[in-house]
Amino acid sequence: MSTARVAVPAEGSNLGGNSRRVRVRDVGCVTMRTTSSGDRAAPGRGGPRRSMREQQKAQTRQLLIDAGLELFADQGYSRTTIEDITNSAGASRATFYLHFSAKWQIVYEMYERILMPETVDYYRRLNAFGVPDRRQLQGWLEDAIGFYERHRTLLLFGDEANAVEPELAAQTAHWLDDCTDAMPRYLQRWEGAEREQARLRLQLLIVQLSRFAVLWVHGHWKVDRATVLAVLLELWAQGLRIDDADISAAAATADDTAS
């Protein structure tokens, strides 16, 4: 089996902001990201240069991350040892432990730098619709399923790591909150206890989509993409109360016309 090449953005890259664009290109079934500018700030632009020692430390950390992700993609999370990672990166175990206390932290870096910024951005895009109509929601779901298809290799070993690493699994609640908080326009349709119910509905939809999509892209359900999208559209339209909003808008329009 050929080794899959995986790279994550260097630590400190501004994935969530507009000041630095992140380009994505697919290499086989594993996503590689590159940034459009170097990690070092130019003199007089964005702050002082890092010291040589800081640069070397950051480069070593990045080598360990890249080596770990390549091995996880190639042979699975559980089968990969810290010794495998250090041998691949050309580093010692002592060096590894200067940067990480356990190998699950490399998977955490992958979520933080690759998967979660893109995931949160998807929910911001859904939020931008306010109350999406079915056509908009279907388009959004098609893009969301595409995300899971593109990142299937990362999601496979990420899912494996979550199953065996309680510290990593504990981060799920925080990531779920990040996705939910990206949809304030949706939540603002309700007040008080109804808003809490709406938040819970949204979180259940997010968990359902995430869990289903990971299993589907790895062949658990033998159904085609069109069927998946049709079922998800019904679930999300009902969960987001889209049809209720359409009925209310139609009633308001009718009242305005009558008056």
C-alpha atoms as a PDB file:
ATOM      1  CA  MET A   1       0.000   0.000   0.000  1.00  0.00           C
ATOM      2  CA  SER A   2       1.379   3.378  -0.921  1.00  0.00           C
ATOM      3  CA  THR A   3       1.730   5.910   1.852  1.00  0.00           C
ATOM      4  CA  ALA A   4      -0.931   8.620   1.781  1.00  0.00           C
ATOM      5  CA  ARG A   5       0.444  12.122   1.892  1.00  0.00           C
ATOM      6  CA  VAL A   6      -1.315  14.302   4.424  1.00  0.00           C
ATOM      7  CA  ALA A   7      -0.470  17.792   5.588  1.00  0.00           C
ATOM      8  CA  VAL A   8      -2.177  20.246   7.876  1.00  0.00           C
ATOM      9  CA  PRO A   9      -1.729  24.016   7.954  1.00  0.00           C
ATOM     10  CA  ALA A  10       1.115  25.209  10.131  1.00  0.00           C
ATOM     11  CA  GLU A  11       0.113  26.158  13.654  1.00  0.00           C
ATOM     12  CA  GLY A  12      -1.002  29.745  13.828  1.00  0.00           C
ATOM     13  CA  SER A  13      -2.553  29.769  10.356  1.00  0.00           C
ATOM     14  CA  ASN A  14      -5.694  31.897  10.319  1.00  0.00           C
ATOM     15  CA  LEU A  15      -8.198  29.318   9.102  1.00  0.00           C
ATOM     16  CA  GLY A  16     -11.259  31.127  10.307  1.00  0.00           C
ATOM     17  CA  GLY A  17     -10.474  34.651   9.154  1.00  0.00           C
ATOM     18  CA  ASN A  18     -10.514  36.387   5.812  1.00  0.00           C
ATOM     19  CA  SER A  19      -6.964  37.700   5.951  1.00  0.00           C
ATOM     20  CA  ARG A  20      -5.436  34.430   4.830  1.00  0.00           C
ATOM     21  CA  ARG A  21      -6.989  32.176   2.259  1.00  0.00           C
ATOM     22  CA  VAL A  22      -6.496  28.425   2.607  1.00  0.00           C
ATOM     23  CA  ARG A  23      -6.422  26.445  -0.599  1.00  0.00           C
ATOM     24  CA  VAL A  24      -7.471  22.815  -0.579  1.00  0.00           C
ATOM     25  CA  ARG A  25      -6.426  20.201  -3.042  1.00  0.00           C
ATOM     26  CA  ASP A  26      -7.191  16.501  -2.982  1.00  0.00           C
ATOM     27  CA  VAL A  27      -4.337  14.043  -3.102  1.00  0.00           C
ATOM     28  CA  GLY A  28      -5.866  10.619  -3.613  1.00  0.00           C
ATOM     29  CA  CYS A  29      -8.566  10.315  -0.975  1.00  0.00           C
ATOM     30  CA  VAL A  30      -6.773  12.454   1.601  1.00  0.00           C
ATOM     31  CA  THR A  31      -7.076  16.201   1.689  1.00  0.00           C
ATOM     32  CA  MET A  32      -3.916  18.274   1.723  1.00  0.00           C
ATOM     33  CA  ARG A  33      -4.096  21.931   2.637  1.00  0.00           C
ATOM     34  CA  THR A  34      -1.598  24.607   1.743  1.00  0.00           C
ATOM     35  CA  THR A  35      -1.589  28.231   2.733  1.00  0.00           C
ATOM     36  CA  SER A  36      -1.133  31.097   0.347  1.00  0.00           C
ATOM     37  CA  SER A  37       1.588  32.719   2.415  1.00  0.00           C
ATOM     38  CA  GLY A  38       4.534  31.495   4.475  1.00  0.00           C
ATOM     39  CA  ASP A  39       4.510  31.021   8.220  1.00  0.00           C
ATOM     40  CA  ARG A  40       7.086  33.709   8.874  1.00  0.00           C
ATOM     41  CA  ALA A  41       5.901  37.275   9.038  1.00  0.00           C
ATOM     42  CA  ALA A  42       7.751  39.651   6.748  1.00  0.00           C
ATOM     43  CA  PRO A  43       9.614  42.517   8.437  1.00  0.00           C
ATOM     44  CA  GLY A  44       7.203  45.287   9.236  1.00  0.00           C
ATOM     45  CA  ARG A  45       4.204  43.148   8.255  1.00  0.00           C
ATOM     46  CA  GLY A  46       2.312  41.265  10.938  1.00  0.00           C
ATOM     47  CA  GLY A  47       4.900  41.404  13.694  1.00  0.00           C
ATOM     48  CA  PRO A  48       8.501  40.316  14.334  1.00  0.00           C
ATOM     49  CA  ARG A  49      10.146  37.244  12.903  1.00  0.00           C
ATOM     50  CA  ARG A  50      10.255  34.179  15.088  1.00  0.00           C
ATOM     51  CA  SER A  51      13.640  33.186  16.445  1.00  0.00           C
ATOM     52  CA  MET A  52      15.540  30.376  14.763  1.00  0.00           C
ATOM     53  CA  ARG A  53      14.820  28.127  17.753  1.00  0.00           C
ATOM     54  CA  GLU A  54      11.097  28.853  17.569  1.00  0.00           C
ATOM     55  CA  GLN A  55      11.081  28.133  13.841  1.00  0.00           C
ATOM     56  CA  GLN A  56      12.896  24.832  14.337  1.00  0.00           C
ATOM     57  CA  LYS A  57      10.527  23.839  17.126  1.00  0.00           C
ATOM     58  CA  ALA A  58       7.489  24.647  14.969  1.00  0.00           C
ATOM     59  CA  GLN A  59       8.950  22.726  12.030  1.00  0.00           C
ATOM     60  CA  THR A  60       9.628  19.673  14.197  1.00  0.00           C
ATOM     61  CA  ARG A  61       6.086  19.763  15.564  1.00  0.00           C
ATOM     62  CA  GLN A  62       4.734  19.998  12.031  1.00  0.00           C
ATOM     63  CA  LEU A  63       6.868  17.043  10.914  1.00  0.00           C
ATOM     64  CA  LEU A  64       5.446  14.946  13.747  1.00  0.00           C
ATOM     65  CA  ILE A  65       1.884  15.945  12.868  1.00  0.00           C
ATOM     66  CA  ASP A  66       2.352  15.202   9.173  1.00  0.00           C
ATOM     67  CA  ALA A  67       4.030  11.860   9.909  1.00  0.00           C
ATOM     68  CA  GLY A  68       1.281  10.871  12.334  1.00  0.00           C
ATOM     69  CA  LEU A  69      -1.549  11.728   9.956  1.00  0.00           C
ATOM     70  CA  GLU A  70       0.097   9.900   7.066  1.00  0.00           C
ATOM     71  CA  LEU A  71       0.491   6.771   9.183  1.00  0.00           C
ATOM     72  CA  PHE A  72      -3.047   6.974  10.575  1.00  0.00           C
ATOM     73  CA  ALA A  73      -4.381   7.250   7.015  1.00  0.00           C
ATOM     74  CA  ASP A  74      -2.184   4.404   5.777  1.00  0.00           C
ATOM     75  CA  GLN A  75      -2.469   1.816   8.547  1.00  0.00           C
ATOM     76  CA  GLY A  76      -5.147   3.057  10.961  1.00  0.00           C
ATOM     77  CA  TYR A  77      -5.018   4.915  14.256  1.00  0.00           C
ATOM     78  CA  SER A  78      -4.827   1.969  16.661  1.00  0.00           C
ATOM     79  CA  ARG A  79      -2.062   0.181  14.760  1.00  0.00           C
ATOM     80  CA  THR A  80       0.150   3.258  14.664  1.00  0.00           C
ATOM     81  CA  THR A  81       2.566   3.636  17.565  1.00  0.00           C
ATOM     82  CA  ILE A  82       4.465   6.662  18.773  1.00  0.00           C
ATOM     83  CA  GLU A  83       7.625   4.863  17.678  1.00  0.00           C
ATOM     84  CA  ASP A  84       6.190   4.596  14.153  1.00  0.00           C
ATOM     85  CA  ILE A  85       5.565   8.339  14.147  1.00  0.00           C
ATOM     86  CA  THR A  86       8.993   9.299  15.435  1.00  0.00           C
ATOM     87  CA  ASN A  87      10.748   6.944  13.012  1.00  0.00           C
ATOM     88  CA  SER A  88       8.811   8.404  10.102  1.00  0.00           C
ATOM     89  CA  ALA A  89       9.531  11.969  11.205  1.00  0.00           C
ATOM     90  CA  GLY A  90      13.187  11.250  11.979  1.00  0.00           C
ATOM     91  CA  ALA A  91      12.761  12.276  15.615  1.00  0.00           C
ATOM     92  CA  SER A  92      13.194  10.670  19.024  1.00  0.00           C
ATOM     93  CA  ARG A  93      10.488   9.716  21.522  1.00  0.00           C
ATOM     94  CA  ALA A  94      11.828  12.428  23.806  1.00  0.00           C
ATOM     95  CA  THR A  95      11.265  14.969  21.053  1.00  0.00           C
ATOM     96  CA  PHE A  96       7.724  13.675  20.531  1.00  0.00           C
ATOM     97  CA  TYR A  97       6.929  14.172  24.216  1.00  0.00           C
ATOM     98  CA  LEU A  98       8.242  17.717  24.097  1.00  0.00           C
ATOM     99  CA  HIS A  99       5.328  18.475  21.758  1.00  0.00           C
ATOM    100  CA  PHE A 100       2.605  15.961  22.645  1.00  0.00           C
ATOM    101  CA  SER A 101       1.652  13.871  25.643  1.00  0.00           C
ATOM    102  CA  ALA A 102      -0.151  11.251  23.525  1.00  0.00           C
ATOM    103  CA  LYS A 103      -0.780  10.423  19.874  1.00  0.00           C
ATOM    104  CA  TRP A 104      -4.481  11.400  20.054  1.00  0.00           C
ATOM    105  CA  GLN A 105      -3.349  15.019  20.247  1.00  0.00           C
ATOM    106  CA  ILE A 106      -2.198  14.767  16.628  1.00  0.00           C
ATOM    107  CA  VAL A 107      -5.747  13.804  15.656  1.00  0.00           C
ATOM    108  CA  TYR A 108      -6.987  16.749  17.705  1.00  0.00           C
ATOM    109  CA  GLU A 109      -4.739  19.032  15.654  1.00  0.00           C
ATOM    110  CA  MET A 110      -6.273  17.578  12.490  1.00  0.00           C
ATOM    111  CA  TYR A 111      -9.778  18.384  13.726  1.00  0.00           C
ATOM    112  CA  GLU A 112      -8.826  21.859  14.885  1.00  0.00           C
ATOM    113  CA  ARG A 113      -6.933  22.886  11.750  1.00  0.00           C
ATOM    114  CA  ILE A 114      -8.762  21.046   8.969  1.00  0.00           C
ATOM    115  CA  LEU A 115     -12.144  19.537   9.769  1.00  0.00           C
ATOM    116  CA  MET A 116     -13.694  21.909  12.289  1.00  0.00           C
ATOM    117  CA  PRO A 117     -12.938  25.233  10.541  1.00  0.00           C
ATOM    118  CA  GLU A 118     -14.565  23.904   7.383  1.00  0.00           C
ATOM    119  CA  THR A 119     -17.469  22.375   9.317  1.00  0.00           C
ATOM    120  CA  VAL A 120     -18.224  25.580  11.208  1.00  0.00           C
ATOM    121  CA  ASP A 121     -18.051  27.476   7.921  1.00  0.00           C
ATOM    122  CA  TYR A 122     -20.744  25.188   6.491  1.00  0.00           C
ATOM    123  CA  TYR A 123     -23.073  26.077   9.352  1.00  0.00           C
ATOM    124  CA  ARG A 124     -22.313  29.774   8.918  1.00  0.00           C
ATOM    125  CA  ARG A 125     -23.384  29.411   5.296  1.00  0.00           C
ATOM    126  CA  LEU A 126     -26.632  27.750   6.356  1.00  0.00           C
ATOM    127  CA  ASN A 127     -27.175  30.507   8.911  1.00  0.00           C
ATOM    128  CA  ALA A 128     -26.751  33.134   6.182  1.00  0.00           C
ATOM    129  CA  PHE A 129     -30.006  31.961   4.577  1.00  0.00           C
ATOM    130  CA  GLY A 130     -31.957  32.920   7.702  1.00  0.00           C
ATOM    131  CA  VAL A 131     -34.828  30.538   7.018  1.00  0.00           C
ATOM    132  CA  PRO A 132     -33.712  28.531   3.961  1.00  0.00           C
ATOM    133  CA  ASP A 133     -36.252  27.255   1.487  1.00  0.00           C
ATOM    134  CA  ARG A 134     -36.108  23.628   0.422  1.00  0.00           C
ATOM    135  CA  ARG A 135     -34.028  24.374  -2.671  1.00  0.00           C
ATOM    136  CA  GLN A 136     -31.410  26.211  -0.591  1.00  0.00           C
ATOM    137  CA  LEU A 137     -31.420  23.498   2.057  1.00  0.00           C
ATOM    138  CA  GLN A 138     -30.975  20.766  -0.539  1.00  0.00           C
ATOM    139  CA  GLY A 139     -28.007  22.596  -2.055  1.00  0.00           C
ATOM    140  CA  TRP A 140     -26.475  22.999   1.385  1.00  0.00           C
ATOM    141  CA  LEU A 141     -26.945  19.307   2.184  1.00  0.00           C
ATOM    142  CA  GLU A 142     -25.335  18.337  -1.132  1.00  0.00           C
ATOM    143  CA  ASP A 143     -22.280  20.408  -0.227  1.00  0.00           C
ATOM    144  CA  ALA A 144     -22.243  18.976   3.298  1.00  0.00           C
ATOM    145  CA  ILE A 145     -22.283  15.398   2.004  1.00  0.00           C
ATOM    146  CA  GLY A 146     -19.465  16.385  -0.339  1.00  0.00           C
ATOM    147  CA  PHE A 147     -17.434  17.436   2.703  1.00  0.00           C
ATOM    148  CA  TYR A 148     -17.722  13.938   4.175  1.00  0.00           C
ATOM    149  CA  GLU A 149     -16.885  12.345   0.832  1.00  0.00           C
ATOM    150  CA  ARG A 150     -13.754  14.488   0.421  1.00  0.00           C
ATOM    151  CA  HIS A 151     -12.519  13.886   3.942  1.00  0.00           C
ATOM    152  CA  ARG A 152     -13.506  10.236   4.259  1.00  0.00           C
ATOM    153  CA  THR A 153      -9.962   9.054   5.079  1.00  0.00           C
ATOM    154  CA  LEU A 154      -9.427  11.649   7.804  1.00  0.00           C
ATOM    155  CA  LEU A 155     -12.883  10.928   9.209  1.00  0.00           C
ATOM    156  CA  LEU A 156     -12.217   7.190   9.277  1.00  0.00           C
ATOM    157  CA  PHE A 157      -9.167   7.346  11.517  1.00  0.00           C
ATOM    158  CA  GLY A 158     -10.684  10.264  13.434  1.00  0.00           C
ATOM    159  CA  ASP A 159     -13.704   8.102  14.227  1.00  0.00           C
ATOM    160  CA  GLU A 160     -11.400   5.269  15.264  1.00  0.00           C
ATOM    161  CA  ALA A 161      -9.455   7.585  17.572  1.00  0.00           C
ATOM    162  CA  ASN A 162     -12.638   8.972  19.130  1.00  0.00           C
ATOM    163  CA  ALA A 163     -13.761   5.444  19.965  1.00  0.00           C
ATOM    164  CA  VAL A 164     -10.622   4.609  21.963  1.00  0.00           C
ATOM    165  CA  GLU A 165      -9.441   7.986  23.303  1.00  0.00           C
ATOM    166  CA  PRO A 166     -11.778   9.484  25.957  1.00  0.00           C
ATOM    167  CA  GLU A 167      -9.841  12.764  26.026  1.00  0.00           C
ATOM    168  CA  LEU A 168     -10.443  13.267  22.313  1.00  0.00           C
ATOM    169  CA  ALA A 169     -14.080  12.188  22.505  1.00  0.00           C
ATOM    170  CA  ALA A 170     -14.619  14.749  25.273  1.00  0.00           C
ATOM    171  CA  GLN A 171     -13.910  17.514  22.757  1.00  0.00           C
ATOM    172  CA  THR A 172     -17.007  16.576  20.744  1.00  0.00           C
ATOM    173  CA  ALA A 173     -19.319  18.628  22.949  1.00  0.00           C
ATOM    174  CA  HIS A 174     -17.193  21.737  22.421  1.00  0.00           C
ATOM    175  CA  TRP A 175     -17.133  21.243  18.650  1.00  0.00           C
ATOM    176  CA  LEU A 176     -20.893  20.689  18.665  1.00  0.00           C
ATOM    177  CA  ASP A 177     -21.346  24.000  20.472  1.00  0.00           C
ATOM    178  CA  ASP A 178     -19.113  25.710  17.902  1.00  0.00           C
ATOM    179  CA  CYS A 179     -21.351  24.497  15.074  1.00  0.00           C
ATOM    180  CA  THR A 180     -24.530  25.495  16.890  1.00  0.00           C
ATOM    181  CA  ASP A 181     -23.186  28.932  17.778  1.00  0.00           C
ATOM    182  CA  ALA A 182     -22.539  29.503  14.068  1.00  0.00           C
ATOM    183  CA  MET A 183     -26.325  29.691  13.513  1.00  0.00           C
ATOM    184  CA  PRO A 184     -27.593  32.668  15.566  1.00  0.00           C
ATOM    185  CA  ARG A 185     -30.134  33.762  12.936  1.00  0.00           C
ATOM    186  CA  TYR A 186     -31.848  30.394  13.145  1.00  0.00           C
ATOM    187  CA  LEU A 187     -31.931  30.475  16.948  1.00  0.00           C
ATOM    188  CA  GLN A 188     -33.207  34.050  17.071  1.00  0.00           C
ATOM    189  CA  ARG A 189     -36.529  32.889  15.630  1.00  0.00           C
ATOM    190  CA  TRP A 190     -37.451  31.713  19.125  1.00  0.00           C
ATOM    191  CA  GLU A 191     -37.347  33.102  22.651  1.00  0.00           C
ATOM    192  CA  GLY A 192     -36.852  31.612  26.106  1.00  0.00           C
ATOM    193  CA  ALA A 193     -37.627  27.920  26.493  1.00  0.00           C
ATOM    194  CA  GLU A 194     -38.511  27.611  22.808  1.00  0.00           C
ATOM    195  CA  ARG A 195     -35.014  28.772  21.882  1.00  0.00           C
ATOM    196  CA  GLU A 196     -33.508  26.090  24.106  1.00  0.00           C
ATOM    197  CA  GLN A 197     -35.663  23.520  22.336  1.00  0.00           C
ATOM    198  CA  ALA A 198     -34.584  24.907  18.959  1.00  0.00           C
ATOM    199  CA  ARG A 199     -30.928  24.672  20.005  1.00  0.00           C
ATOM    200  CA  LEU A 200     -31.427  21.062  21.060  1.00  0.00           C
ATOM    201  CA  ARG A 201     -33.161  20.228  17.774  1.00  0.00           C
ATOM    202  CA  LEU A 202     -30.279  21.775  15.851  1.00  0.00           C
ATOM    203  CA  GLN A 203     -27.656  19.873  17.835  1.00  0.00           C
ATOM    204  CA  LEU A 204     -29.499  16.601  17.302  1.00  0.00           C
ATOM    205  CA  LEU A 205     -29.584  17.294  13.567  1.00  0.00           C
ATOM    206  CA  ILE A 206     -25.845  18.056  13.556  1.00  0.00           C
ATOM    207  CA  VAL A 207     -24.984  14.866  15.456  1.00  0.00           C
ATOM    208  CA  GLN A 208     -27.295  12.824  13.248  1.00  0.00           C
ATOM    209  CA  LEU A 209     -25.813  14.200  10.020  1.00  0.00           C
ATOM    210  CA  SER A 210     -22.236  13.766  11.208  1.00  0.00           C
ATOM    211  CA  ARG A 211     -22.674  10.217  12.460  1.00  0.00           C
ATOM    212  CA  PHE A 212     -24.743   9.094   9.506  1.00  0.00           C
ATOM    213  CA  ALA A 213     -22.420  10.612   6.907  1.00  0.00           C
ATOM    214  CA  VAL A 214     -19.286   9.046   8.409  1.00  0.00           C
ATOM    215  CA  LEU A 215     -20.897   5.600   8.357  1.00  0.00           C
ATOM    216  CA  TRP A 216     -22.380   6.114   4.885  1.00  0.00           C
ATOM    217  CA  VAL A 217     -19.130   7.155   3.177  1.00  0.00           C
ATOM    218  CA  HIS A 218     -17.522   4.034   4.617  1.00  0.00           C
ATOM    219  CA  GLY A 219     -20.192   1.738   3.191  1.00  0.00           C
ATOM    220  CA  HIS A 220     -22.368   0.975   6.218  1.00  0.00           C
ATOM    221  CA  TRP A 221     -25.546   1.851   4.272  1.00  0.00           C
ATOM    222  CA  LYS A 222     -25.780   0.611   0.686  1.00  0.00           C
ATOM    223  CA  VAL A 223     -27.960   3.456  -0.560  1.00  0.00           C
ATOM    224  CA  ASP A 224     -27.232   5.909  -3.341  1.00  0.00           C
ATOM    225  CA  ARG A 225     -26.512   9.602  -2.924  1.00  0.00           C
ATOM    226  CA  ALA A 226     -29.911  10.724  -4.227  1.00  0.00           C
ATOM    227  CA  THR A 227     -31.713   8.626  -1.617  1.00  0.00           C
ATOM    228  CA  VAL A 228     -29.469   9.951   1.130  1.00  0.00           C
ATOM    229  CA  LEU A 229     -30.143  13.554   0.127  1.00  0.00           C
ATOM    230  CA  ALA A 230     -33.907  13.007  -0.132  1.00  0.00           C
ATOM    231  CA  VAL A 231     -34.114  11.530   3.364  1.00  0.00           C
ATOM    232  CA  LEU A 232     -31.827  14.152   4.891  1.00  0.00           C
ATOM    233  CA  LEU A 233     -33.823  16.943   3.255  1.00  0.00           C
ATOM    234  CA  GLU A 234     -37.042  15.746   4.897  1.00  0.00           C
ATOM    235  CA  LEU A 235     -35.380  15.360   8.284  1.00  0.00           C
ATOM    236  CA  TRP A 236     -33.700  18.776   8.179  1.00  0.00           C
ATOM    237  CA  ALA A 237     -36.740  20.596   6.796  1.00  0.00           C
ATOM    238  CA  GLN A 238     -38.819  19.223   9.637  1.00  0.00           C
ATOM    239  CA  GLY A 239     -36.134  19.733  12.267  1.00  0.00           C
ATOM    240  CA  LEU A 240     -35.466  23.346  11.266  1.00  0.00           C
ATOM    241  CA  ARG A 241     -39.221  24.030  11.044  1.00  0.00           C
ATOM    242  CA  ILE A 242     -38.786  25.262   7.478  1.00  0.00           C
ATOM    243  CA  ASP A 243     -42.269  24.237   6.386  1.00  0.00           C
ATOM    244  CA  ASP A 244     -43.780  25.977   9.431  1.00  0.00           C
ATOM    245  CA  ALA A 245     -41.902  29.149   8.495  1.00  0.00           C
ATOM    246  CA  ASP A 246     -43.155  28.899   4.896  1.00  0.00           C
ATOM    247  CA  ILE A 247     -46.743  28.500   6.099  1.00  0.00           C
ATOM    248  CA  SER A 248     -46.404  31.474   8.458  1.00  0.00           C
ATOM    249  CA  ALA A 249     -44.905  33.620   5.689  1.00  0.00           C
ATOM    250  CA  ALA A 250     -47.700  32.634   3.300  1.00  0.00           C
ATOM    251  CA  ALA A 251     -50.327  33.467   5.911  1.00  0.00           C
ATOM    252  CA  ALA A 252     -48.730  36.848   6.572  1.00  0.00           C
ATOM    253  CA  THR A 253     -48.691  37.586   2.838  1.00  0.00           C
ATOM    254  CA  ALA A 254     -52.349  36.616   2.547  1.00  0.00           C
ATOM    255  CA  ASP A 255     -53.262  38.900   5.458  1.00  0.00           C
ATOM    256  CA  ASP A 256     -51.388  41.800   3.860  1.00  0.00           C
ATOM    257  CA  THR A 257     -53.146  41.205   0.560  1.00  0.00           C
ATOM    258  CA  ALA A 258     -56.573  41.049   2.216  1.00  0.00           C
ATOM    259  CA  SER A 259     -55.982  44.283   4.098  1.00  0.00           C
END
